[in-house]
Amino acid sequence: MSHRRQILLALAAVASCSLCASVSADTNPPSTSSLYALERPGSSPTVLFVHGFGQSTVYWQEWVALLGDCGIHAVALDLPGFGQSGHAAGPYTIEALADAAAQFIQDRKLGAVTLVGNSMGSTVAQFVTLRHPRLVGRLLLTATSANPPPRVTPPLDAAAARNYWATRDIKAMVDGFFATKVAPPAKAAAFYEAGHQMNIDAATEANESNLNWTTLERLREIKVPALIIQGRHDAAKSPEQGELMVSRMPHAQLVVLENSAHTPQWDEPEEFKSAALPFLLAGRKSSGSCKK
C-alpha cells in the first residue's frame, strides 16, 4: 500500500465534530454500518444531504445545524469512499452510491426523506429517486444536470487513472468549486481535507461513472415536488441545464443565483437560504430560530 493511500485511509478514519454521529446498522449486503453522518435530532420527514465529488458532509454542516435549530431531523451522509466514509468498500459507481444512500435510509428507518444533493450528490439523489421512489418525498438539487459533463480527455486505463488521482492537485480542484476560485477561508482547511479523504478507488470509479450516465429520458418519472438551484457562473452545471430538467419534471421549479458557481450554498449563502428554506419547510411548522 502506498504512503499516500495509507494517509488517505487514516484521514478517513478520523471522526471529531460536535454534530457528528457514527451511523450504526447491521445490513449485509450492502452494509451501511461503516458510513459516517452528521446528524441533529428533530421531527420527520428527515432532510438528508448528499455531497458532491471530492467533498463530504462538511459542505452541509451548517445546514444540518440550521435545520436542527428548526426542530427538523437533519442528516448529512458521507458516501462510500468519501469523507469519513473513505474506508468504506465499493463499488463506487453513481448507481452503487445511490443504492448505498437508499440502504442508509432504510437501515435508519427514516421513511420518505427530503433529499438534497449538490453536484455529483445531485446525480446520486436523482438515481435514488428513480431507483427507490418510495424513499423520497421531496427533492432539492443544486449544481445539477440530467446529462454528464462532456468528456474533454480520452478515458484512461486503470493504472493511469489511479496515478492521476494519486497525484491530483486537490487544492486546485476544490478551489475550482467556488465562484471566487478559492475556498472560503473559514472552511478552506476542512474542504481541502475532504478532498484528500476521498480514496483512490472511489475517485477513479466515481469519476468515470460520473461521465457515463443520463437521467434525461426518465425525468418525467420524478413526480415529487422538486427545487433546482443553479449558479449563473457554473460552467459544469449551467442554468440552461436546470431549465431543461424543469421542463421534463412535472412538479419542479428553478432558481438561478446570479453570483454563484458550482457551490451556491457557499457562494451566496443568504440567497441560497432564501430559496431553499421555504421549500424545505413546506408543510411544516417552523420552530426555534428558524425563519423562512
Protein backbone atom coordinates (compact mmCIF):
# COMPACT_ATOMS: atom_id res chain seq x y z
CA MET A 1 0.00 0.00 0.00
CA SER A 2 1.40 3.39 -0.98
CA HIS A 3 2.21 6.01 1.64
CA ARG A 4 -0.40 8.35 0.11
CA ARG A 5 -3.03 5.59 0.28
CA GLN A 6 -2.23 5.00 3.95
CA ILE A 7 -2.60 8.71 4.67
CA LEU A 8 -5.98 8.86 2.88
CA LEU A 9 -7.28 5.89 4.84
CA ALA A 10 -6.02 7.29 8.12
CA LEU A 11 -7.69 10.64 7.46
CA ALA A 12 -10.92 8.88 6.57
CA ALA A 13 -10.98 7.15 9.95
CA VAL A 14 -10.87 10.43 11.88
CA ALA A 15 -14.20 11.48 13.39
CA SER A 16 -14.30 14.62 15.53
CA CYS A 17 -17.23 17.06 15.43
CA SER A 18 -19.85 18.08 17.97
CA LEU A 19 -22.59 17.44 15.39
CA CYS A 20 -21.13 14.15 14.16
CA ALA A 21 -22.51 10.73 14.90
CA SER A 22 -21.38 7.37 13.60
CA VAL A 23 -24.05 5.53 11.70
CA SER A 24 -24.93 2.11 13.09
CA ALA A 25 -26.66 -0.64 11.15
CA ASP A 26 -26.31 -4.34 10.57
CA THR A 27 -27.35 -4.84 6.98
CA ASN A 28 -25.44 -7.09 4.63
CA PRO A 29 -25.40 -6.74 1.70
CA PRO A 30 -24.98 -3.86 1.26
CA SER A 31 -23.88 -2.63 4.66
CA THR A 32 -24.10 0.98 5.75
CA SER A 33 -22.69 0.25 9.21
CA SER A 34 -19.36 1.88 8.37
CA LEU A 35 -20.82 5.03 6.83
CA TYR A 36 -20.45 8.32 8.64
CA ALA A 37 -23.07 11.03 9.11
CA LEU A 38 -23.62 14.41 10.70
CA GLU A 39 -26.95 14.46 12.47
CA ARG A 40 -29.27 16.66 14.51
CA PRO A 41 -32.45 15.19 16.01
CA GLY A 42 -35.88 16.57 15.24
CA SER A 43 -39.18 15.93 13.57
CA SER A 44 -39.90 13.99 10.39
CA PRO A 45 -39.69 14.00 7.47
CA THR A 46 -35.91 13.83 7.67
CA VAL A 47 -33.84 16.08 5.44
CA LEU A 48 -30.90 14.08 4.06
CA PHE A 49 -27.96 15.93 2.45
CA VAL A 50 -25.65 14.28 -0.10
CA HIS A 51 -22.30 15.83 -1.06
CA GLY A 52 -20.51 16.10 -4.38
CA PHE A 53 -17.33 14.56 -5.80
CA GLY A 54 -14.25 15.24 -3.67
CA GLN A 55 -16.50 16.64 -0.95
CA SER A 56 -18.02 15.42 2.30
CA THR A 57 -20.55 16.26 4.99
CA VAL A 58 -18.56 19.40 5.88
CA TYR A 59 -20.15 21.11 2.85
CA TRP A 60 -23.58 20.70 4.51
CA GLN A 61 -22.62 21.03 8.18
CA GLU A 62 -24.15 24.49 8.60
CA TRP A 63 -27.42 23.31 7.08
CA VAL A 64 -27.63 20.34 9.43
CA ALA A 65 -27.22 22.78 12.34
CA LEU A 66 -29.72 25.25 10.87
CA LEU A 67 -32.45 22.66 10.37
CA GLY A 68 -31.72 21.16 13.78
CA ASP A 69 -32.43 24.59 15.26
CA CYS A 70 -35.74 24.48 13.34
CA GLY A 71 -36.62 21.26 15.14
CA ILE A 72 -36.16 19.19 11.97
CA HIS A 73 -34.33 15.87 11.84
CA ALA A 74 -31.36 16.65 9.58
CA VAL A 75 -28.66 14.23 8.41
CA ALA A 76 -25.69 14.65 6.06
CA LEU A 77 -24.13 11.44 4.76
CA ASP A 78 -20.56 10.72 3.72
CA LEU A 79 -20.95 8.43 0.71
CA PRO A 80 -18.81 5.28 0.48
CA GLY A 81 -15.24 6.20 -0.46
CA PHE A 82 -15.62 9.87 0.53
CA GLY A 83 -15.06 11.96 3.63
CA GLN A 84 -15.05 9.95 6.83
CA SER A 85 -16.56 7.03 4.92
CA GLY A 86 -13.38 6.97 2.83
CA HIS A 87 -12.56 3.50 4.12
CA ALA A 88 -15.93 2.00 3.09
CA ALA A 89 -15.87 -0.63 0.36
CA GLY A 90 -17.15 -0.03 -3.15
CA PRO A 91 -18.39 -0.31 -5.81
CA TYR A 92 -18.35 3.47 -6.30
CA THR A 93 -20.43 3.93 -9.45
CA ILE A 94 -23.23 6.51 -9.37
CA GLU A 95 -25.80 3.71 -9.22
CA ALA A 96 -23.95 1.98 -6.38
CA LEU A 97 -23.64 5.22 -4.41
CA ALA A 98 -27.37 5.81 -4.90
CA ASP A 99 -28.15 2.32 -3.66
CA ALA A 100 -25.89 2.87 -0.63
CA ALA A 101 -27.77 6.08 0.20
CA ALA A 102 -31.08 4.26 -0.21
CA GLN A 103 -29.87 1.45 2.04
CA PHE A 104 -28.83 4.03 4.63
CA ILE A 105 -32.36 5.50 4.56
CA GLN A 106 -33.85 2.03 5.06
CA ASP A 107 -31.37 0.95 7.73
CA ARG A 108 -32.13 4.07 9.73
CA LYS A 109 -35.88 3.70 9.14
CA LEU A 110 -36.09 7.33 8.02
CA GLY A 111 -39.17 6.88 5.87
CA ALA A 112 -39.62 9.11 2.83
CA VAL A 113 -36.94 11.80 3.16
CA THR A 114 -36.48 15.24 1.70
CA LEU A 115 -33.34 14.55 -0.32
CA VAL A 116 -30.82 17.33 -1.03
CA GLY A 117 -27.84 16.85 -3.35
CA ASN A 118 -25.08 19.04 -4.75
CA SER A 119 -23.09 18.29 -7.93
CA MET A 120 -22.38 14.54 -8.05
CA GLY A 121 -24.61 14.32 -4.99
CA SER A 122 -27.47 15.72 -7.08
CA THR A 123 -26.93 12.92 -9.59
CA VAL A 124 -26.91 10.37 -6.78
CA ALA A 125 -30.13 11.96 -5.48
CA GLN A 126 -31.77 11.62 -8.90
CA PHE A 127 -30.84 7.95 -9.05
CA VAL A 128 -32.13 7.35 -5.51
CA THR A 129 -35.44 8.92 -6.53
CA LEU A 130 -35.68 6.89 -9.73
CA ARG A 131 -34.46 3.57 -8.31
CA HIS A 132 -36.15 3.83 -4.90
CA PRO A 133 -39.09 6.22 -5.36
CA ARG A 134 -40.83 5.33 -2.09
CA LEU A 135 -37.84 6.64 -0.14
CA VAL A 136 -38.06 10.25 -1.39
CA GLY A 137 -40.83 12.75 -0.63
CA ARG A 138 -39.22 15.98 -1.85
CA LEU A 139 -36.09 16.69 -3.86
CA LEU A 140 -33.71 19.68 -3.84
CA LEU A 141 -30.92 19.61 -6.42
CA THR A 142 -28.17 22.18 -6.78
CA ALA A 143 -25.37 22.35 -9.37
CA THR A 144 -27.21 19.64 -11.23
CA SER A 145 -27.94 18.30 -14.70
CA ALA A 146 -29.63 15.36 -16.39
CA ASN A 147 -26.60 14.55 -18.53
CA PRO A 148 -22.92 14.11 -17.64
CA PRO A 149 -20.40 16.84 -18.39
CA PRO A 150 -18.66 16.47 -21.76
CA ARG A 151 -15.54 14.33 -21.71
CA VAL A 152 -12.57 16.55 -22.52
CA THR A 153 -9.88 13.86 -22.46
CA PRO A 154 -9.86 10.22 -23.62
CA PRO A 155 -10.62 7.54 -20.99
CA LEU A 156 -7.57 6.44 -19.02
CA ASP A 157 -6.67 2.84 -18.34
CA ALA A 158 -6.97 1.72 -14.73
CA ALA A 159 -3.32 2.29 -13.81
CA ALA A 160 -3.19 5.73 -15.42
CA ALA A 161 -6.45 6.77 -13.77
CA ARG A 162 -5.23 5.72 -10.34
CA ASN A 163 -1.98 7.59 -10.88
CA TYR A 164 -3.92 10.69 -11.97
CA TRP A 165 -5.94 10.78 -8.76
CA ALA A 166 -2.96 9.86 -6.59
CA THR A 167 -1.13 12.94 -7.87
CA ARG A 168 -4.10 15.30 -8.47
CA ASP A 169 -3.77 18.84 -7.12
CA ILE A 170 -6.65 18.60 -4.65
CA LYS A 171 -6.40 22.24 -3.59
CA ALA A 172 -6.83 23.42 -7.19
CA MET A 173 -9.79 21.08 -7.68
CA VAL A 174 -11.54 22.30 -4.52
CA ASP A 175 -10.85 25.98 -5.24
CA GLY A 176 -12.49 25.50 -8.63
CA PHE A 177 -15.82 24.68 -6.96
CA PHE A 178 -16.33 28.29 -5.90
CA ALA A 179 -17.25 31.47 -7.77
CA THR A 180 -14.21 33.24 -6.33
CA LYS A 181 -11.94 30.35 -7.45
CA VAL A 182 -10.74 29.97 -3.89
CA ALA A 183 -12.31 28.08 -0.97
CA PRO A 184 -13.92 30.24 1.75
CA PRO A 185 -11.10 30.98 4.22
CA ALA A 186 -13.09 29.92 7.28
CA LYS A 187 -13.74 26.46 5.81
CA ALA A 188 -10.80 26.02 3.43
CA ALA A 189 -8.84 23.59 5.62
CA ALA A 190 -11.90 21.36 6.10
CA PHE A 191 -12.74 21.45 2.39
CA TYR A 192 -9.17 20.56 1.37
CA GLU A 193 -9.11 17.74 3.92
CA ALA A 194 -12.38 16.37 2.48
CA GLY A 195 -10.73 16.26 -0.93
CA HIS A 196 -7.82 14.27 0.46
CA GLN A 197 -10.13 11.88 2.35
CA MET A 198 -11.57 10.60 -0.94
CA ASN A 199 -9.96 7.22 -1.50
CA ILE A 200 -8.20 6.49 -4.78
CA ASP A 201 -10.55 3.70 -5.85
CA ALA A 202 -13.59 5.90 -5.22
CA ALA A 203 -12.04 8.84 -7.08
CA THR A 204 -11.24 6.66 -10.09
CA GLU A 205 -14.50 4.73 -10.31
CA ALA A 206 -16.91 7.52 -9.34
CA ASN A 207 -15.25 9.96 -11.73
CA GLU A 208 -15.54 7.56 -14.67
CA SER A 209 -19.13 6.68 -13.76
CA ASN A 210 -19.93 10.39 -13.42
CA LEU A 211 -19.02 10.78 -17.12
CA ASN A 212 -21.27 7.92 -18.29
CA TRP A 213 -24.87 8.35 -17.16
CA THR A 214 -28.09 10.13 -18.07
CA THR A 215 -31.47 10.65 -16.43
CA LEU A 216 -32.89 12.92 -19.12
CA GLU A 217 -35.38 10.46 -20.59
CA ARG A 218 -36.60 9.42 -17.13
CA LEU A 219 -37.12 12.82 -15.53
CA ARG A 220 -40.89 12.62 -16.03
CA GLU A 221 -40.86 9.72 -13.57
CA ILE A 222 -39.76 12.10 -10.79
CA LYS A 223 -43.17 13.20 -9.59
CA VAL A 224 -42.26 14.54 -6.16
CA PRO A 225 -42.02 18.30 -5.54
CA ALA A 226 -38.56 19.39 -6.66
CA LEU A 227 -36.47 22.56 -6.47
CA ILE A 228 -33.39 23.10 -8.63
CA ILE A 229 -30.91 25.84 -7.66
CA GLN A 230 -28.23 26.67 -10.23
CA GLY A 231 -25.36 29.15 -10.23
CA ARG A 232 -25.23 31.60 -13.12
CA HIS A 233 -21.45 31.10 -13.45
CA ASP A 234 -21.36 27.31 -13.13
CA ALA A 235 -19.61 26.11 -16.28
CA ALA A 236 -20.24 22.44 -15.45
CA LYS A 237 -23.92 22.63 -14.47
CA SER A 238 -25.47 25.63 -16.17
CA PRO A 239 -28.82 27.37 -15.63
CA GLU A 240 -29.82 26.12 -19.08
CA GLN A 241 -29.37 22.55 -17.90
CA GLY A 242 -31.62 23.36 -14.97
CA GLU A 243 -34.23 24.77 -17.36
CA LEU A 244 -34.14 21.56 -19.39
CA MET A 245 -34.69 19.47 -16.26
CA VAL A 246 -37.60 21.61 -15.05
CA SER A 247 -39.25 21.27 -18.48
CA ARG A 248 -39.24 17.47 -18.05
CA MET A 249 -40.16 17.21 -14.34
CA PRO A 250 -43.87 17.63 -13.59
CA HIS A 251 -43.52 19.37 -10.20
CA ALA A 252 -40.18 21.18 -10.41
CA GLN A 253 -39.15 24.82 -10.18
CA LEU A 254 -35.84 26.53 -10.94
CA VAL A 255 -33.98 29.27 -9.08
CA VAL A 256 -30.80 30.80 -10.53
CA LEU A 257 -28.37 32.58 -8.21
CA GLU A 258 -26.64 35.31 -10.17
CA ASN A 259 -23.29 35.35 -8.33
CA SER A 260 -22.82 31.63 -7.78
CA ALA A 261 -20.84 28.89 -9.48
CA HIS A 262 -20.69 25.21 -8.52
CA THR A 263 -21.43 25.58 -4.79
CA PRO A 264 -24.35 28.03 -4.48
CA GLN A 265 -24.86 27.20 -0.81
CA TRP A 266 -21.39 28.66 -0.17
CA ASP A 267 -21.11 31.25 -2.94
CA GLU A 268 -24.31 33.03 -1.89
CA PRO A 269 -25.37 31.53 1.44
CA GLU A 270 -28.13 34.03 2.25
CA GLU A 271 -29.63 33.89 -1.23
CA PHE A 272 -29.43 30.11 -1.18
CA LYS A 273 -31.15 30.06 2.19
CA SER A 274 -33.90 32.35 0.92
CA ALA A 275 -34.58 29.94 -1.95
CA ALA A 276 -34.06 26.61 -0.19
CA LEU A 277 -35.50 27.10 3.27
CA PRO A 278 -39.15 27.75 2.28
CA PHE A 279 -39.02 24.61 0.14
CA LEU A 280 -37.56 22.55 2.99
CA LEU A 281 -40.10 23.96 5.48
CA ALA A 282 -43.13 23.49 3.25
CA GLY A 283 -45.90 21.81 5.21
CA ARG A 284 -44.02 22.15 8.49
CA LYS A 285 -44.42 24.43 11.47
CA SER A 286 -41.11 26.25 11.95
CA SER A 287 -39.65 26.48 15.44
CA GLY A 288 -36.59 27.64 17.31
CA SER A 289 -34.56 30.26 15.44
CA CYS A 290 -35.79 29.06 12.05
CA LYS A 291 -37.32 31.66 9.78
CA LYS A 292 -38.23 31.41 6.10
